């Protein structure tokens, strides 16, 4: 069952469609949006391959390597907020609910799931929740920020019985 307050556009590269249980993924995103207290929101989630993710990572972060998840906020303008003041009110309201896009490299997520003894769907839920939190302005640049973000992720993911990820150590 989906939450009608949220519009989540899911795009899965054709070769990965058989691997993904949409019904096990979308509710975790909706739970994150509800946790944040949003009355309405829209975002897109793209599940793609490592090569596409590497191109995005190189183009937007200057890192020529694939990564698990990238988030592209629709709200950032330079100061962190989008300026919709010059738009008609109805369009400004619609754009204000658009959080942005999350892109997950599914093969990368598969390898990470194996590495951390996680199911693929649990890993995809984790990366989706992580991506939504980035769209909401959370980050993990400092140890304190990381601890907060990981605590929130685990709180949300506990509803699915997913493993605690707070002790994961990622390579630099």
N, C-alpha and C. Protein backbone atom coordinates (compact mmCIF):
# COMPACT_ATOMS: atom_id res chain seq x y z
N UNK A 1 0.84 -1.18 0.00
CA UNK A 1 0.00 0.00 0.00
C UNK A 1 0.88 1.24 0.00
N UNK A 2 0.56 2.17 -0.87
CA UNK A 2 1.37 3.38 -0.94
C UNK A 2 0.63 4.54 -0.30
N UNK A 3 1.41 5.53 0.10
CA UNK A 3 0.88 6.72 0.74
C UNK A 3 0.59 7.75 -0.35
N UNK A 4 -0.66 8.16 -0.48
CA UNK A 4 -1.07 9.07 -1.55
C UNK A 4 -0.50 10.48 -1.41
N UNK A 5 0.11 10.78 -0.27
CA UNK A 5 0.71 12.11 -0.11
C UNK A 5 2.02 12.24 -0.89
N UNK A 6 2.56 11.11 -1.30
CA UNK A 6 3.89 11.11 -1.90
C UNK A 6 3.86 10.52 -3.30
N UNK A 7 4.58 11.18 -4.18
CA UNK A 7 4.71 10.70 -5.55
C UNK A 7 6.16 10.27 -5.77
N UNK A 8 6.35 8.99 -5.95
CA UNK A 8 7.70 8.45 -6.13
C UNK A 8 7.76 7.80 -7.50
N UNK A 9 8.58 8.38 -8.36
CA UNK A 9 8.77 7.83 -9.70
C UNK A 9 9.96 6.87 -9.65
N UNK A 10 9.70 5.62 -9.93
CA UNK A 10 10.74 4.60 -9.88
C UNK A 10 11.11 4.19 -11.30
N UNK A 11 12.39 4.32 -11.61
CA UNK A 11 12.90 3.91 -12.93
C UNK A 11 13.99 2.87 -12.70
N UNK A 12 13.78 1.69 -13.26
CA UNK A 12 14.73 0.59 -13.08
C UNK A 12 15.25 0.18 -14.45
N UNK A 13 16.58 0.17 -14.62
CA UNK A 13 17.14 -0.34 -15.87
C UNK A 13 16.59 -1.73 -16.12
N UNK A 14 16.24 -1.99 -17.37
CA UNK A 14 15.52 -3.22 -17.74
C UNK A 14 16.15 -4.50 -17.20
N UNK A 15 17.47 -4.58 -17.24
CA UNK A 15 18.13 -5.83 -16.81
C UNK A 15 17.98 -6.08 -15.31
N UNK A 16 17.60 -5.05 -14.54
CA UNK A 16 17.49 -5.19 -13.09
C UNK A 16 16.06 -5.38 -12.59
N UNK A 17 15.08 -5.22 -13.47
CA UNK A 17 13.68 -5.31 -13.06
C UNK A 17 13.38 -6.59 -12.28
N UNK A 18 13.86 -7.77 -12.74
CA UNK A 18 13.54 -9.00 -12.00
C UNK A 18 14.14 -9.06 -10.59
N UNK A 19 15.11 -8.22 -10.30
CA UNK A 19 15.79 -8.26 -9.01
C UNK A 19 15.14 -7.40 -7.94
N UNK A 20 14.22 -6.52 -8.37
CA UNK A 20 13.70 -5.49 -7.46
C UNK A 20 12.24 -5.73 -7.12
N UNK A 21 11.95 -5.74 -5.84
CA UNK A 21 10.57 -5.83 -5.35
C UNK A 21 10.13 -4.42 -4.97
N UNK A 22 9.42 -3.79 -5.90
CA UNK A 22 8.98 -2.41 -5.70
C UNK A 22 8.16 -2.27 -4.41
N UNK A 23 7.34 -3.26 -4.11
CA UNK A 23 6.48 -3.22 -2.92
C UNK A 23 7.29 -3.26 -1.63
N UNK A 24 8.52 -3.70 -1.70
CA UNK A 24 9.39 -3.73 -0.52
C UNK A 24 10.29 -2.51 -0.44
N UNK A 25 10.27 -1.68 -1.49
CA UNK A 25 11.17 -0.54 -1.56
C UNK A 25 10.45 0.79 -1.32
N UNK A 26 9.35 1.01 -2.02
CA UNK A 26 8.63 2.28 -1.95
C UNK A 26 8.17 2.61 -0.52
N UNK A 27 7.63 1.66 0.25
CA UNK A 27 7.20 2.01 1.61
C UNK A 27 8.32 2.54 2.51
N UNK A 28 9.55 2.12 2.29
CA UNK A 28 10.66 2.64 3.10
C UNK A 28 10.91 4.11 2.77
N UNK A 29 10.76 4.46 1.50
CA UNK A 29 10.91 5.87 1.10
C UNK A 29 9.78 6.68 1.71
N UNK A 30 8.56 6.17 1.61
CA UNK A 30 7.41 6.86 2.19
C UNK A 30 7.54 7.00 3.70
N UNK A 31 8.06 5.99 4.36
CA UNK A 31 8.26 6.06 5.81
C UNK A 31 9.27 7.15 6.17
N UNK A 32 10.27 7.33 5.33
CA UNK A 32 11.26 8.38 5.58
C UNK A 32 10.63 9.76 5.42
N UNK A 33 9.82 9.92 4.40
CA UNK A 33 9.13 11.20 4.18
C UNK A 33 8.15 11.48 5.31
N UNK A 34 7.44 10.46 5.77
CA UNK A 34 6.52 10.62 6.90
C UNK A 34 7.29 10.94 8.17
N UNK A 35 8.42 10.25 8.39
CA UNK A 35 9.27 10.53 9.56
C UNK A 35 9.66 12.01 9.58
N UNK A 36 9.93 12.57 8.39
CA UNK A 36 10.34 13.97 8.28
C UNK A 36 9.16 14.93 8.45
N UNK A 37 7.95 14.39 8.52
CA UNK A 37 6.77 15.23 8.73
C UNK A 37 6.29 15.94 7.48
N UNK A 38 6.63 15.42 6.31
CA UNK A 38 6.21 16.06 5.07
C UNK A 38 4.77 15.69 4.73
N UNK A 39 3.96 16.70 4.43
CA UNK A 39 2.58 16.46 4.05
C UNK A 39 2.46 16.03 2.59
N UNK A 40 3.42 16.47 1.78
CA UNK A 40 3.44 16.11 0.36
C UNK A 40 4.89 16.16 -0.10
N UNK A 41 5.23 15.26 -1.00
CA UNK A 41 6.58 15.26 -1.56
C UNK A 41 6.60 14.41 -2.81
N UNK A 42 7.52 14.75 -3.69
CA UNK A 42 7.75 13.90 -4.84
C UNK A 42 9.24 13.80 -5.08
N UNK A 43 9.64 12.65 -5.60
CA UNK A 43 11.04 12.42 -5.92
C UNK A 43 11.12 11.30 -6.93
N UNK A 44 12.28 11.16 -7.52
CA UNK A 44 12.48 10.02 -8.41
C UNK A 44 13.61 9.16 -7.87
N UNK A 45 13.48 7.87 -8.10
CA UNK A 45 14.50 6.90 -7.72
C UNK A 45 14.86 6.12 -8.97
N UNK A 46 16.15 6.15 -9.32
CA UNK A 46 16.65 5.46 -10.50
C UNK A 46 17.59 4.36 -10.05
N UNK A 47 17.37 3.14 -10.53
CA UNK A 47 18.26 2.02 -10.28
C UNK A 47 18.96 1.72 -11.59
N UNK A 48 20.27 1.92 -11.62
CA UNK A 48 21.02 1.82 -12.86
C UNK A 48 22.27 0.98 -12.67
N UNK A 49 23.15 1.00 -13.66
CA UNK A 49 24.37 0.20 -13.59
C UNK A 49 25.55 1.04 -13.09
N UNK A 50 26.66 0.37 -12.85
CA UNK A 50 27.85 1.05 -12.32
C UNK A 50 28.39 2.09 -13.29
N UNK A 51 28.37 1.81 -14.60
CA UNK A 51 28.93 2.74 -15.58
C UNK A 51 28.17 4.06 -15.59
N UNK A 52 26.85 3.99 -15.57
CA UNK A 52 26.04 5.22 -15.54
C UNK A 52 26.29 5.99 -14.25
N UNK A 53 26.38 5.27 -13.14
CA UNK A 53 26.63 5.91 -11.85
C UNK A 53 28.01 6.57 -11.84
N UNK A 54 28.99 5.90 -12.43
CA UNK A 54 30.34 6.46 -12.48
C UNK A 54 30.34 7.76 -13.29
N UNK A 55 29.61 7.80 -14.41
CA UNK A 55 29.53 9.03 -15.21
C UNK A 55 28.92 10.16 -14.38
N UNK A 56 27.84 9.87 -13.66
CA UNK A 56 27.22 10.90 -12.81
C UNK A 56 28.17 11.36 -11.71
N UNK A 57 28.84 10.42 -11.09
CA UNK A 57 29.77 10.74 -10.01
C UNK A 57 30.92 11.61 -10.52
N UNK A 58 31.42 11.28 -11.71
CA UNK A 58 32.50 12.07 -12.31
C UNK A 58 32.01 13.47 -12.67
N UNK A 59 30.84 13.55 -13.28
CA UNK A 59 30.31 14.83 -13.74
C UNK A 59 29.96 15.76 -12.58
N UNK A 60 29.31 15.25 -11.56
CA UNK A 60 28.77 16.10 -10.50
C UNK A 60 29.59 16.16 -9.23
N UNK A 61 30.48 15.20 -9.03
CA UNK A 61 31.29 15.21 -7.80
C UNK A 61 32.78 15.20 -8.09
N UNK A 62 33.15 15.03 -9.37
CA UNK A 62 34.56 15.00 -9.72
C UNK A 62 35.26 13.73 -9.29
N UNK A 63 34.50 12.67 -9.02
CA UNK A 63 35.06 11.39 -8.58
C UNK A 63 34.83 10.37 -9.70
N UNK A 64 35.91 9.90 -10.31
CA UNK A 64 35.80 9.00 -11.46
C UNK A 64 35.74 7.54 -11.00
N UNK A 65 34.67 7.21 -10.30
CA UNK A 65 34.45 5.85 -9.80
C UNK A 65 32.96 5.70 -9.52
N UNK A 66 32.45 4.47 -9.62
CA UNK A 66 31.05 4.29 -9.24
C UNK A 66 30.90 4.43 -7.72
N UNK A 67 29.70 4.64 -7.30
CA UNK A 67 29.38 4.70 -5.87
C UNK A 67 28.00 4.08 -5.67
N UNK A 68 27.63 3.84 -4.44
CA UNK A 68 26.36 3.17 -4.20
C UNK A 68 25.16 4.05 -4.49
N UNK A 69 25.14 5.26 -3.95
CA UNK A 69 23.97 6.13 -4.09
C UNK A 69 24.40 7.58 -4.26
N UNK A 70 23.70 8.27 -5.14
CA UNK A 70 23.87 9.71 -5.33
C UNK A 70 22.51 10.37 -5.17
N UNK A 71 22.50 11.55 -4.56
CA UNK A 71 21.27 12.31 -4.39
C UNK A 71 21.45 13.67 -5.04
N UNK A 72 20.45 14.09 -5.79
CA UNK A 72 20.48 15.38 -6.47
C UNK A 72 19.27 16.18 -6.00
N UNK A 73 19.51 17.13 -5.14
CA UNK A 73 18.43 17.91 -4.54
C UNK A 73 17.86 18.91 -5.53
N UNK A 74 16.54 18.99 -5.59
CA UNK A 74 15.87 19.99 -6.41
C UNK A 74 15.74 21.30 -5.64
N UNK A 75 16.09 21.29 -4.38
CA UNK A 75 15.90 22.46 -3.53
C UNK A 75 17.12 23.37 -3.47
N UNK A 76 18.27 22.85 -3.81
CA UNK A 76 19.48 23.64 -3.66
C UNK A 76 19.63 24.65 -4.78
N UNK A 77 20.01 25.86 -4.39
CA UNK A 77 20.22 26.93 -5.35
C UNK A 77 21.62 27.51 -5.19
N UNK A 78 22.33 27.12 -4.23
CA UNK A 78 23.63 27.70 -3.92
C UNK A 78 23.66 27.98 -2.43
N UNK A 79 22.54 28.48 -1.93
CA UNK A 79 22.43 28.71 -0.49
C UNK A 79 21.63 27.59 0.17
N UNK A 80 21.33 26.55 -0.61
CA UNK A 80 20.62 25.41 -0.07
C UNK A 80 19.12 25.45 -0.29
N UNK A 81 18.62 26.56 -0.79
CA UNK A 81 17.18 26.67 -1.01
C UNK A 81 16.89 27.05 -2.45
N UNK A 82 15.83 26.51 -3.00
CA UNK A 82 15.41 26.86 -4.35
C UNK A 82 14.60 28.15 -4.30
N UNK A 83 14.73 28.95 -5.35
CA UNK A 83 13.99 30.21 -5.43
C UNK A 83 12.85 30.03 -6.42
N UNK A 84 11.64 29.91 -5.90
CA UNK A 84 10.46 29.75 -6.74
C UNK A 84 9.59 31.01 -6.72
N UNK A 85 10.13 32.13 -6.23
CA UNK A 85 9.31 33.33 -6.04
C UNK A 85 8.87 33.96 -7.35
N UNK A 86 9.59 33.74 -8.45
CA UNK A 86 9.23 34.36 -9.72
C UNK A 86 8.21 33.54 -10.50
N UNK A 87 7.78 32.43 -9.96
CA UNK A 87 6.85 31.54 -10.65
C UNK A 87 5.41 31.79 -10.22
N UNK A 88 4.44 31.41 -11.07
CA UNK A 88 3.04 31.47 -10.64
C UNK A 88 2.87 30.63 -9.37
N UNK A 89 2.01 31.05 -8.45
CA UNK A 89 1.87 30.37 -7.15
C UNK A 89 1.60 28.87 -7.25
N UNK A 90 0.74 28.45 -8.19
CA UNK A 90 0.43 27.02 -8.29
C UNK A 90 1.65 26.21 -8.75
N UNK A 91 2.46 26.77 -9.64
CA UNK A 91 3.67 26.08 -10.09
C UNK A 91 4.72 26.10 -8.99
N UNK A 92 4.84 27.21 -8.29
CA UNK A 92 5.79 27.30 -7.19
C UNK A 92 5.47 26.27 -6.11
N UNK A 93 4.18 26.09 -5.81
CA UNK A 93 3.78 25.11 -4.79
C UNK A 93 4.11 23.70 -5.24
N UNK A 94 3.87 23.42 -6.53
CA UNK A 94 4.18 22.08 -7.06
C UNK A 94 5.68 21.81 -7.01
N UNK A 95 6.47 22.79 -7.42
CA UNK A 95 7.92 22.61 -7.41
C UNK A 95 8.47 22.51 -5.99
N UNK A 96 7.84 23.17 -5.05
CA UNK A 96 8.32 23.13 -3.67
C UNK A 96 8.23 21.73 -3.08
N UNK A 97 7.31 20.91 -3.59
CA UNK A 97 7.19 19.55 -3.06
C UNK A 97 8.17 18.58 -3.71
N UNK A 98 8.85 19.02 -4.79
CA UNK A 98 9.81 18.16 -5.48
C UNK A 98 11.13 18.17 -4.74
N UNK A 99 11.49 17.03 -4.18
CA UNK A 99 12.74 16.94 -3.42
C UNK A 99 13.95 16.73 -4.30
N UNK A 100 13.80 16.00 -5.41
CA UNK A 100 14.92 15.74 -6.29
C UNK A 100 14.99 14.29 -6.73
N UNK A 101 16.21 13.85 -7.01
CA UNK A 101 16.43 12.53 -7.58
C UNK A 101 17.46 11.75 -6.78
N UNK A 102 17.23 10.45 -6.70
CA UNK A 102 18.18 9.52 -6.07
C UNK A 102 18.56 8.50 -7.13
N UNK A 103 19.85 8.24 -7.26
CA UNK A 103 20.33 7.26 -8.23
C UNK A 103 21.15 6.22 -7.49
N UNK A 104 20.78 4.97 -7.65
CA UNK A 104 21.48 3.85 -7.00
C UNK A 104 22.07 2.95 -8.08
N UNK A 105 23.34 2.61 -7.92
CA UNK A 105 23.99 1.64 -8.81
C UNK A 105 23.68 0.25 -8.26
N UNK A 106 22.80 -0.46 -8.95
CA UNK A 106 22.35 -1.75 -8.43
C UNK A 106 23.48 -2.78 -8.33
N UNK A 107 24.38 -2.91 -9.31
CA UNK A 107 25.48 -3.87 -9.13
C UNK A 107 26.37 -3.52 -7.92
N UNK A 108 26.59 -2.24 -7.71
CA UNK A 108 27.37 -1.80 -6.55
C UNK A 108 26.64 -2.20 -5.27
N UNK A 109 25.32 -1.97 -5.26
CA UNK A 109 24.52 -2.35 -4.09
C UNK A 109 24.55 -3.86 -3.86
N UNK A 110 24.56 -4.64 -4.94
CA UNK A 110 24.65 -6.10 -4.80
C UNK A 110 25.96 -6.50 -4.12
N UNK A 111 27.07 -5.91 -4.57
CA UNK A 111 28.37 -6.24 -3.97
C UNK A 111 28.42 -5.81 -2.51
N UNK A 112 27.85 -4.65 -2.24
CA UNK A 112 27.84 -4.14 -0.87
C UNK A 112 26.98 -5.02 0.03
N UNK A 113 25.86 -5.51 -0.50
CA UNK A 113 24.99 -6.40 0.27
C UNK A 113 25.74 -7.67 0.65
N UNK A 114 26.48 -8.23 -0.29
CA UNK A 114 27.27 -9.44 0.00
C UNK A 114 28.34 -9.12 1.04
N UNK A 115 29.03 -8.01 0.87
CA UNK A 115 30.10 -7.62 1.79
C UNK A 115 29.60 -7.49 3.22
N UNK A 116 28.40 -6.94 3.38
CA UNK A 116 27.86 -6.70 4.72
C UNK A 116 26.82 -7.74 5.14
N UNK A 117 26.75 -8.85 4.39
CA UNK A 117 25.84 -9.94 4.71
C UNK A 117 24.40 -9.44 4.85
N UNK A 118 23.96 -8.73 3.83
CA UNK A 118 22.65 -8.11 3.80
C UNK A 118 21.91 -8.65 2.57
N UNK A 119 20.60 -8.70 2.61
CA UNK A 119 19.85 -9.05 1.40
C UNK A 119 19.89 -7.86 0.45
N UNK A 120 19.69 -8.12 -0.84
CA UNK A 120 19.69 -7.02 -1.80
C UNK A 120 18.58 -6.03 -1.49
N UNK A 121 17.38 -6.49 -1.17
CA UNK A 121 16.29 -5.56 -0.90
C UNK A 121 16.56 -4.74 0.36
N UNK A 122 17.15 -5.33 1.38
CA UNK A 122 17.49 -4.56 2.58
C UNK A 122 18.53 -3.50 2.23
N UNK A 123 19.48 -3.85 1.38
CA UNK A 123 20.51 -2.89 0.96
C UNK A 123 19.88 -1.76 0.15
N UNK A 124 18.97 -2.10 -0.75
CA UNK A 124 18.29 -1.07 -1.55
C UNK A 124 17.42 -0.17 -0.68
N UNK A 125 16.77 -0.74 0.33
CA UNK A 125 16.00 0.10 1.27
C UNK A 125 16.93 1.06 1.99
N UNK A 126 18.05 0.54 2.49
CA UNK A 126 19.03 1.38 3.18
C UNK A 126 19.49 2.52 2.28
N UNK A 127 19.88 2.21 1.06
CA UNK A 127 20.38 3.24 0.16
C UNK A 127 19.29 4.23 -0.22
N UNK A 128 18.05 3.76 -0.35
CA UNK A 128 16.93 4.66 -0.65
C UNK A 128 16.67 5.61 0.50
N UNK A 129 16.61 5.08 1.71
CA UNK A 129 16.41 5.93 2.90
C UNK A 129 17.56 6.91 3.03
N UNK A 130 18.78 6.43 2.83
CA UNK A 130 19.97 7.28 2.90
C UNK A 130 19.86 8.42 1.88
N UNK A 131 19.46 8.07 0.65
CA UNK A 131 19.31 9.09 -0.39
C UNK A 131 18.25 10.12 -0.05
N UNK A 132 17.12 9.67 0.49
CA UNK A 132 16.06 10.61 0.88
C UNK A 132 16.56 11.54 1.98
N UNK A 133 17.27 11.00 2.94
CA UNK A 133 17.81 11.86 4.01
C UNK A 133 18.74 12.92 3.44
N UNK A 134 19.54 12.57 2.44
CA UNK A 134 20.37 13.58 1.78
C UNK A 134 19.49 14.65 1.12
N UNK A 135 18.42 14.24 0.45
CA UNK A 135 17.52 15.21 -0.18
C UNK A 135 16.89 16.13 0.86
N UNK A 136 16.73 15.63 2.07
CA UNK A 136 16.14 16.42 3.15
C UNK A 136 17.17 17.30 3.85
N UNK A 137 18.44 17.21 3.42
CA UNK A 137 19.47 18.08 3.97
C UNK A 137 20.41 17.43 4.96
N UNK A 138 20.24 16.16 5.24
CA UNK A 138 21.14 15.47 6.16
C UNK A 138 22.43 15.10 5.44
N UNK A 139 23.51 15.04 6.20
CA UNK A 139 24.80 14.66 5.63
C UNK A 139 25.59 13.90 6.67
N UNK A 140 26.74 13.40 6.26
CA UNK A 140 27.59 12.63 7.18
C UNK A 140 29.04 13.07 7.03
N UNK A 141 29.24 14.39 6.91
CA UNK A 141 30.58 14.94 6.72
C UNK A 141 31.39 14.92 8.01
N UNK A 142 30.72 14.95 9.15
CA UNK A 142 31.43 14.90 10.43
C UNK A 142 30.99 13.65 11.19
N UNK A 143 31.77 13.19 12.14
CA UNK A 143 31.35 12.02 12.93
C UNK A 143 30.00 12.22 13.61
N UNK A 144 29.73 13.41 14.11
CA UNK A 144 28.45 13.67 14.77
C UNK A 144 27.29 13.60 13.77
N UNK A 145 27.49 14.20 12.58
CA UNK A 145 26.46 14.14 11.55
C UNK A 145 26.22 12.70 11.10
N UNK A 146 27.31 11.95 10.95
CA UNK A 146 27.20 10.56 10.53
C UNK A 146 26.42 9.74 11.57
N UNK A 147 26.75 9.93 12.83
CA UNK A 147 26.06 9.19 13.89
C UNK A 147 24.56 9.50 13.88
N UNK A 148 24.22 10.77 13.68
CA UNK A 148 22.82 11.17 13.63
C UNK A 148 22.10 10.55 12.43
N UNK A 149 22.74 10.63 11.27
CA UNK A 149 22.12 10.11 10.06
C UNK A 149 21.95 8.59 10.14
N UNK A 150 22.95 7.90 10.64
CA UNK A 150 22.87 6.44 10.77
C UNK A 150 21.79 6.05 11.79
N UNK A 151 21.66 6.82 12.87
CA UNK A 151 20.62 6.54 13.87
C UNK A 151 19.23 6.67 13.23
N UNK A 152 19.04 7.72 12.45
CA UNK A 152 17.75 7.93 11.79
C UNK A 152 17.46 6.80 10.80
N UNK A 153 18.46 6.44 10.00
CA UNK A 153 18.30 5.33 9.05
C UNK A 153 17.87 4.06 9.76
N UNK A 154 18.57 3.74 10.83
CA UNK A 154 18.26 2.51 11.56
C UNK A 154 16.88 2.55 12.19
N UNK A 155 16.49 3.70 12.68
CA UNK A 155 15.16 3.87 13.27
C UNK A 155 14.08 3.58 12.22
N UNK A 156 14.25 4.12 11.03
CA UNK A 156 13.28 3.93 9.95
C UNK A 156 13.28 2.49 9.46
N UNK A 157 14.47 1.93 9.27
CA UNK A 157 14.59 0.58 8.69
C UNK A 157 14.24 -0.54 9.66
N UNK A 158 14.19 -0.23 10.94
CA UNK A 158 13.84 -1.25 11.94
C UNK A 158 12.45 -1.84 11.68
N UNK A 159 11.56 -1.07 11.07
CA UNK A 159 10.21 -1.55 10.78
C UNK A 159 10.20 -2.74 9.83
N UNK A 160 11.26 -2.89 9.05
CA UNK A 160 11.37 -4.01 8.11
C UNK A 160 12.24 -5.13 8.67
N UNK A 161 12.72 -4.95 9.87
CA UNK A 161 13.61 -5.96 10.45
C UNK A 161 14.98 -5.96 9.81
N UNK A 162 15.33 -4.86 9.15
CA UNK A 162 16.63 -4.77 8.49
C UNK A 162 17.73 -4.63 9.53
N UNK A 163 18.93 -5.11 9.20
CA UNK A 163 20.03 -5.08 10.18
C UNK A 163 20.48 -3.66 10.50
N UNK A 164 21.00 -3.49 11.70
CA UNK A 164 21.57 -2.22 12.15
C UNK A 164 22.82 -1.96 11.32
N UNK A 165 22.89 -0.79 10.72
CA UNK A 165 24.04 -0.46 9.87
C UNK A 165 24.97 0.57 10.52
N UNK A 166 24.72 0.90 11.77
CA UNK A 166 25.48 1.98 12.40
C UNK A 166 26.95 1.64 12.58
N UNK A 167 27.30 0.37 12.57
CA UNK A 167 28.70 -0.01 12.78
C UNK A 167 29.45 -0.27 11.47
N UNK A 168 28.81 -0.01 10.35
CA UNK A 168 29.48 -0.21 9.07
C UNK A 168 30.65 0.75 8.94
N UNK A 169 31.73 0.25 8.39
CA UNK A 169 32.88 1.09 8.08
C UNK A 169 33.07 1.04 6.58
N UNK A 170 33.02 2.21 5.96
CA UNK A 170 33.17 2.29 4.51
C UNK A 170 34.59 2.74 4.19
N UNK A 171 35.18 2.19 3.14
CA UNK A 171 36.51 2.65 2.75
C UNK A 171 36.44 4.08 2.22
N UNK A 172 37.50 4.82 2.38
CA UNK A 172 37.54 6.19 1.86
C UNK A 172 37.69 6.19 0.36
